[in-house]
Amino acid sequence: MIVREHPSSLQLFFVMQGSVVPKIMGRIIGVAVLSVIVLLLDQHVVTLPHISIGAMSIFGVALSLFLGFRNNAAYDRWWEARKLWGSMIADVRNLGRHMCVFVGKGADRENILSCAVAFAHLHRGFLRSVDARADIIAWIGKEKADAMIARKNPADAALRSMADQIGKLIERDAISGFGQMTISQTLSSLALAQAGCERIVTTPLPFVYSLLVRRTTYLYCWLLPFALIESTSWFAPIFAAVVAYVFFGLQAVTNELELPFRNVQNGLPLDALCRTIEISVSEALDRPPPTALSATNHVLS
């Protein structure tokens, strides 16, 4: 995720970090070159068909609505993912307080909260398809880490481990009935947030809709030079390039927001969120907390 102050009016046109321009530059240049070719052919070789600028305007409005709708849908997924991770952080902090109230200090509290940290890292590993083993060994030990990672759903295995440990405390009558209900609700909330993130990562926007928008965008940009050659002449390549930047740019932004857990510049900072959970658990256990992650070159991973 990009973390930086808003650029000045002059810098605005030159900032490339976090911009989609590098990804779509080839398509922008391609549309501009096509416009030049169409102009040269129309003026020096053969008169080409001219498309009504009014018809292209109606086409452009319809395409803008499609792109705007898809972009809103993608941003909703990005924002929902951020809210789910925010709720997980709140649940882990609540769990730390529950352990203080209903369990008290001791090895049981440390083991349960350490599994909460392992849950966060293992869930991050699933969402980003990365190995989180090195991040959890220090919290739960090598043997337990290997056992969780061997499961089909390692994060869910961490939640089950927490539930098993709480069940043993209940068998010893170490937690009151109200405490049992409260802790159970917190674990259920963690599981719901996990399922919500899994739903987002395994269910992209409908492919047929994305395909329709992409095809329509290319068709519009390819036909646009035929509508501009009469009204704008040699300014046509500039206008066509600007339109291509807007439409292809919106398309590229949507592609990044659609899958918010990818480790890209505009993705969610899952590493930093996991570190926040580590800090919360460390303070709940009266341990020296690790340092919060900061942005590197304006990028927070």
Protein backbone atom coordinates (compact mmCIF):
# COMPACT_ATOMS: atom_id res chain seq x y z
CA MET A 1 0.00 0.00 0.00
CA ILE A 2 1.31 3.45 -0.91
CA VAL A 3 1.86 5.69 2.13
CA ARG A 4 2.94 9.22 1.26
CA GLU A 5 1.89 12.85 1.33
CA HIS A 6 -0.18 14.12 -1.59
CA PRO A 7 2.18 15.39 -4.31
CA SER A 8 2.21 19.01 -5.36
CA SER A 9 0.54 20.16 -8.57
CA LEU A 10 3.87 19.93 -10.42
CA GLN A 11 4.86 16.55 -8.97
CA LEU A 12 1.42 15.18 -9.74
CA PHE A 13 2.30 14.67 -13.41
CA PHE A 14 5.64 12.96 -12.74
CA VAL A 15 4.95 10.60 -9.80
CA MET A 16 5.16 7.04 -11.09
CA GLN A 17 5.15 5.10 -7.81
CA GLY A 18 1.70 3.68 -7.27
CA SER A 19 0.60 4.88 -10.68
CA VAL A 20 -0.80 2.54 -13.34
CA VAL A 21 0.99 4.44 -16.14
CA PRO A 22 3.96 2.01 -16.39
CA LYS A 23 1.52 -0.89 -16.80
CA ILE A 24 -0.54 0.73 -19.55
CA MET A 25 2.13 2.82 -21.29
CA GLY A 26 2.38 0.33 -24.15
CA ARG A 27 -1.36 0.52 -24.81
CA ILE A 28 -1.36 4.32 -24.66
CA ILE A 29 1.50 4.52 -27.16
CA GLY A 30 -0.23 1.93 -29.33
CA VAL A 31 -3.43 3.99 -29.53
CA ALA A 32 -1.43 7.16 -30.31
CA VAL A 33 0.53 5.38 -33.07
CA LEU A 34 -2.72 4.01 -34.50
CA SER A 35 -4.08 7.55 -34.61
CA VAL A 36 -1.01 8.77 -36.52
CA ILE A 37 -1.32 5.91 -39.02
CA VAL A 38 -5.02 6.62 -39.55
CA LEU A 39 -4.25 10.33 -40.12
CA LEU A 40 -1.50 9.62 -42.63
CA LEU A 41 -3.61 7.13 -44.55
CA ASP A 42 -6.61 9.45 -44.60
CA GLN A 43 -4.64 12.50 -45.78
CA HIS A 44 -2.11 10.95 -48.18
CA VAL A 45 -3.29 7.50 -49.31
CA VAL A 46 -7.02 6.91 -49.26
CA THR A 47 -9.97 8.58 -47.59
CA LEU A 48 -10.99 6.48 -44.62
CA PRO A 49 -14.49 6.23 -43.12
CA HIS A 50 -15.18 8.98 -40.60
CA ILE A 51 -17.20 8.09 -37.51
CA SER A 52 -19.55 10.62 -35.96
CA ILE A 53 -18.02 12.16 -32.84
CA GLY A 54 -21.53 12.19 -31.34
CA ALA A 55 -21.85 8.43 -31.75
CA MET A 56 -18.46 7.91 -30.13
CA SER A 57 -19.50 10.18 -27.27
CA ILE A 58 -22.55 8.01 -26.54
CA PHE A 59 -20.32 4.92 -26.78
CA GLY A 60 -17.86 6.54 -24.38
CA VAL A 61 -20.53 7.42 -21.82
CA ALA A 62 -21.79 3.83 -21.82
CA LEU A 63 -18.25 2.51 -21.45
CA SER A 64 -17.58 4.95 -18.59
CA LEU A 65 -20.62 3.65 -16.73
CA PHE A 66 -19.45 0.05 -17.15
CA LEU A 67 -15.92 0.89 -16.00
CA GLY A 68 -17.21 2.96 -13.07
CA PHE A 69 -19.48 0.16 -11.91
CA ARG A 70 -16.68 -2.41 -12.12
CA ASN A 71 -14.28 -0.07 -10.33
CA ASN A 72 -16.79 0.48 -7.51
CA ALA A 73 -17.29 -3.26 -7.16
CA ALA A 74 -13.52 -3.80 -6.97
CA TYR A 75 -13.07 -1.03 -4.38
CA ASP A 76 -15.86 -2.52 -2.28
CA ARG A 77 -13.87 -5.78 -2.19
CA TRP A 78 -10.69 -3.90 -1.20
CA TRP A 79 -12.45 -1.97 1.57
CA GLU A 80 -14.27 -5.05 2.87
CA ALA A 81 -10.95 -6.89 3.06
CA ARG A 82 -9.46 -4.03 5.07
CA LYS A 83 -12.44 -4.04 7.45
CA LEU A 84 -12.13 -7.80 7.94
CA TRP A 85 -8.47 -7.47 8.91
CA GLY A 86 -9.36 -4.57 11.18
CA SER A 87 -11.93 -6.75 12.94
CA MET A 88 -9.32 -9.51 13.35
CA ILE A 89 -6.95 -7.06 15.05
CA ALA A 90 -9.76 -5.94 17.36
CA ASP A 91 -10.70 -9.56 18.13
CA VAL A 92 -7.12 -10.49 19.04
CA ARG A 93 -6.90 -7.49 21.36
CA ASN A 94 -10.21 -8.45 22.93
CA LEU A 95 -8.95 -12.00 23.33
CA GLY A 96 -5.94 -10.67 25.21
CA ARG A 97 -8.26 -8.84 27.60
CA HIS A 98 -10.45 -11.92 27.98
CA MET A 99 -7.42 -13.96 28.92
CA CYS A 100 -6.50 -11.41 31.61
CA VAL A 101 -10.03 -11.40 33.04
CA PHE A 102 -11.04 -15.06 32.81
CA VAL A 103 -7.75 -17.00 32.76
CA GLY A 104 -5.11 -14.86 34.42
CA LYS A 105 -1.38 -14.94 33.96
CA GLY A 106 0.37 -18.18 33.17
CA ALA A 107 1.39 -20.61 30.46
CA ASP A 108 -2.21 -21.17 29.30
CA ARG A 109 -2.70 -17.51 28.47
CA GLU A 110 0.65 -17.32 26.65
CA ASN A 111 -0.05 -20.44 24.59
CA ILE A 112 -3.50 -19.28 23.52
CA LEU A 113 -2.40 -15.77 22.56
CA SER A 114 0.67 -17.13 20.77
CA CYS A 115 -1.66 -19.26 18.66
CA ALA A 116 -3.59 -16.08 17.84
CA VAL A 117 -0.41 -14.60 16.33
CA ALA A 118 0.20 -17.85 14.45
CA PHE A 119 -3.38 -17.68 13.13
CA ALA A 120 -2.78 -14.20 11.69
CA HIS A 121 0.47 -15.18 9.96
CA LEU A 122 -0.90 -18.46 8.64
CA HIS A 123 -3.95 -16.67 7.28
CA ARG A 124 -1.68 -14.12 5.59
CA GLY A 125 0.32 -17.00 4.13
CA PHE A 126 -2.83 -18.50 2.62
CA LEU A 127 -4.04 -15.22 1.18
CA ARG A 128 -0.68 -14.41 -0.43
CA SER A 129 0.44 -17.98 -1.15
CA VAL A 130 3.63 -17.50 0.90
CA ASP A 131 5.32 -19.64 3.56
CA ALA A 132 4.69 -18.15 7.02
CA ARG A 133 6.55 -20.88 8.91
CA ALA A 134 9.52 -18.68 9.84
CA ASP A 135 7.19 -16.06 11.32
CA ILE A 136 5.37 -18.43 13.70
CA ILE A 137 8.17 -20.68 14.99
CA ALA A 138 9.26 -18.09 17.55
CA TRP A 139 5.68 -17.96 18.89
CA ILE A 140 4.53 -21.60 18.98
CA GLY A 141 7.65 -23.68 18.39
CA LYS A 142 8.87 -25.73 15.45
CA GLU A 143 6.88 -28.90 16.16
CA LYS A 144 3.54 -27.15 16.54
CA ALA A 145 4.23 -24.92 13.54
CA ASP A 146 4.95 -27.94 11.32
CA ALA A 147 1.79 -29.66 12.53
CA MET A 148 -0.38 -26.65 11.65
CA ILE A 149 1.23 -26.07 8.26
CA ALA A 150 0.65 -29.74 7.38
CA ARG A 151 -3.12 -29.14 7.54
CA LYS A 152 -5.21 -28.17 4.53
CA ASN A 153 -6.18 -24.95 6.29
CA PRO A 154 -3.32 -23.97 8.64
CA ALA A 155 -5.06 -20.85 9.96
CA ASP A 156 -8.13 -22.87 10.91
CA ALA A 157 -5.80 -25.37 12.62
CA ALA A 158 -4.49 -22.51 14.78
CA LEU A 159 -8.05 -21.60 15.76
CA ARG A 160 -8.79 -25.24 16.63
CA SER A 161 -5.65 -25.36 18.76
CA MET A 162 -6.87 -22.31 20.66
CA ALA A 163 -10.29 -23.92 21.10
CA ASP A 164 -8.70 -27.17 22.34
CA GLN A 165 -6.65 -25.32 24.93
CA ILE A 166 -9.69 -23.38 26.12
CA GLY A 167 -11.64 -26.66 26.27
CA LYS A 168 -9.01 -28.11 28.61
CA LEU A 169 -9.31 -25.05 30.85
CA ILE A 170 -13.07 -25.55 30.92
CA GLU A 171 -12.59 -29.18 31.95
CA ARG A 172 -10.53 -27.96 34.90
CA ASP A 173 -13.25 -25.39 35.76
CA ALA A 174 -10.64 -22.66 35.19
CA ILE A 175 -13.07 -20.45 33.21
CA SER A 176 -16.51 -19.35 34.34
CA GLY A 177 -19.61 -19.91 32.22
CA PHE A 178 -19.74 -16.25 31.18
CA GLY A 179 -16.04 -16.37 30.29
CA GLN A 180 -16.58 -19.45 28.16
CA MET A 181 -19.35 -17.69 26.21
CA THR A 182 -17.33 -14.50 25.76
CA ILE A 183 -14.16 -16.22 24.55
CA SER A 184 -16.19 -18.50 22.26
CA GLN A 185 -17.81 -15.46 20.63
CA THR A 186 -14.39 -13.91 20.00
CA LEU A 187 -13.07 -17.08 18.37
CA SER A 188 -16.21 -17.26 16.24
CA SER A 189 -15.65 -13.66 15.15
CA LEU A 190 -12.08 -14.52 14.10
CA ALA A 191 -13.38 -17.48 12.11
CA LEU A 192 -16.00 -15.30 10.37
CA ALA A 193 -13.37 -12.74 9.38
CA GLN A 194 -11.14 -15.53 8.06
CA ALA A 195 -14.00 -16.96 5.99
CA GLY A 196 -14.77 -13.51 4.62
CA CYS A 197 -11.18 -13.06 3.42
CA GLU A 198 -11.21 -16.55 1.88
CA ARG A 199 -14.41 -15.68 0.03
CA ILE A 200 -12.80 -12.57 -1.45
CA VAL A 201 -9.59 -14.31 -2.53
CA THR A 202 -11.36 -17.32 -4.05
CA THR A 203 -14.22 -15.44 -5.77
CA PRO A 204 -13.01 -12.79 -8.24
CA LEU A 205 -15.35 -10.54 -10.16
CA PRO A 206 -17.27 -12.49 -12.83
CA PHE A 207 -14.89 -13.18 -15.72
CA VAL A 208 -17.56 -12.68 -18.38
CA TYR A 209 -18.18 -9.13 -17.14
CA SER A 210 -14.46 -8.33 -17.03
CA LEU A 211 -14.07 -9.73 -20.55
CA LEU A 212 -16.92 -7.58 -21.85
CA VAL A 213 -15.43 -4.40 -20.36
CA ARG A 214 -11.92 -5.16 -21.71
CA ARG A 215 -13.16 -5.90 -25.22
CA THR A 216 -15.33 -2.79 -25.24
CA THR A 217 -12.42 -0.63 -24.06
CA TYR A 218 -10.15 -1.87 -26.85
CA LEU A 219 -12.87 -1.44 -29.48
CA TYR A 220 -13.55 2.12 -28.35
CA CYS A 221 -9.89 3.14 -28.37
CA TRP A 222 -9.33 1.54 -31.78
CA LEU A 223 -12.35 3.28 -33.31
CA LEU A 224 -11.72 6.65 -31.67
CA PRO A 225 -9.08 7.86 -34.22
CA PHE A 226 -11.68 7.55 -37.01
CA ALA A 227 -13.90 10.00 -35.10
CA LEU A 228 -11.09 12.44 -34.30
CA ILE A 229 -9.36 12.80 -37.69
CA GLU A 230 -11.96 15.26 -38.99
CA SER A 231 -12.56 17.38 -35.90
CA THR A 232 -9.06 17.47 -34.33
CA SER A 233 -6.70 16.67 -37.21
CA TRP A 234 -3.11 16.30 -35.90
CA PHE A 235 -4.29 16.71 -32.31
CA ALA A 236 -6.03 13.34 -32.68
CA PRO A 237 -3.08 11.28 -31.32
CA ILE A 238 -2.97 13.43 -28.18
CA PHE A 239 -6.70 13.19 -27.52
CA ALA A 240 -6.68 9.46 -28.24
CA ALA A 241 -3.75 8.91 -25.86
CA VAL A 242 -5.52 10.82 -23.07
CA VAL A 243 -8.71 8.81 -23.54
CA ALA A 244 -6.69 5.58 -23.59
CA TYR A 245 -4.97 6.63 -20.34
CA VAL A 246 -8.34 7.17 -18.64
CA PHE A 247 -10.03 3.99 -19.80
CA PHE A 248 -7.07 1.61 -19.62
CA GLY A 249 -6.03 3.24 -16.34
CA LEU A 250 -9.41 2.57 -14.75
CA GLN A 251 -9.17 -0.99 -15.99
CA ALA A 252 -5.71 -1.45 -14.43
CA VAL A 253 -6.81 0.08 -11.12
CA THR A 254 -9.76 -2.30 -11.00
CA ASN A 255 -7.48 -5.28 -11.60
CA GLU A 256 -5.35 -4.29 -8.58
CA LEU A 257 -8.26 -3.57 -6.24
CA GLU A 258 -10.14 -6.70 -7.27
CA LEU A 259 -7.63 -8.94 -5.43
CA PRO A 260 -6.62 -6.83 -2.41
CA PHE A 261 -4.36 -9.41 -0.76
CA ARG A 262 -1.71 -9.56 -3.48
CA ASN A 263 1.70 -8.17 -2.53
CA VAL A 264 1.54 -5.22 -4.93
CA GLN A 265 1.95 -1.49 -4.39
CA ASN A 266 -1.76 -0.85 -3.97
CA GLY A 267 -2.53 -4.08 -2.09
CA LEU A 268 -3.33 -4.31 1.60
CA PRO A 269 -0.29 -4.21 3.95
CA LEU A 270 -0.79 -7.66 5.47
CA ASP A 271 2.77 -7.80 6.84
CA ALA A 272 2.20 -4.56 8.74
CA LEU A 273 -1.21 -5.75 9.99
CA CYS A 274 0.32 -8.98 11.30
CA ARG A 275 3.01 -6.94 13.04
CA THR A 276 0.26 -4.89 14.68
CA ILE A 277 -1.21 -8.13 16.05
CA GLU A 278 2.24 -9.18 17.29
CA ILE A 279 2.61 -5.87 19.12
CA SER A 280 -0.84 -6.20 20.72
CA VAL A 281 -0.17 -9.76 21.91
CA SER A 282 3.32 -8.91 23.18
CA GLU A 283 1.95 -6.07 25.28
CA ALA A 284 -0.87 -8.30 26.57
CA LEU A 285 1.80 -10.80 27.69
CA ASP A 286 4.03 -8.07 29.18
CA ARG A 287 6.75 -8.76 26.63
CA PRO A 288 8.83 -6.17 24.79
CA PRO A 289 6.82 -5.51 21.61
CA PRO A 290 8.49 -5.65 18.18
CA THR A 291 8.89 -2.47 16.17
CA ALA A 292 5.99 -1.54 13.92
CA LEU A 293 6.73 -1.90 10.23
CA SER A 294 7.24 1.35 8.35
CA ALA A 295 6.95 2.17 4.67
CA THR A 296 9.99 1.54 2.49
CA ASN A 297 10.21 3.99 -0.37
CA HIS A 298 6.59 4.96 0.40
CA VAL A 299 5.41 1.32 0.14
CA LEU A 300 3.98 -0.50 3.19
CA SER A 301 3.79 -4.23 2.56
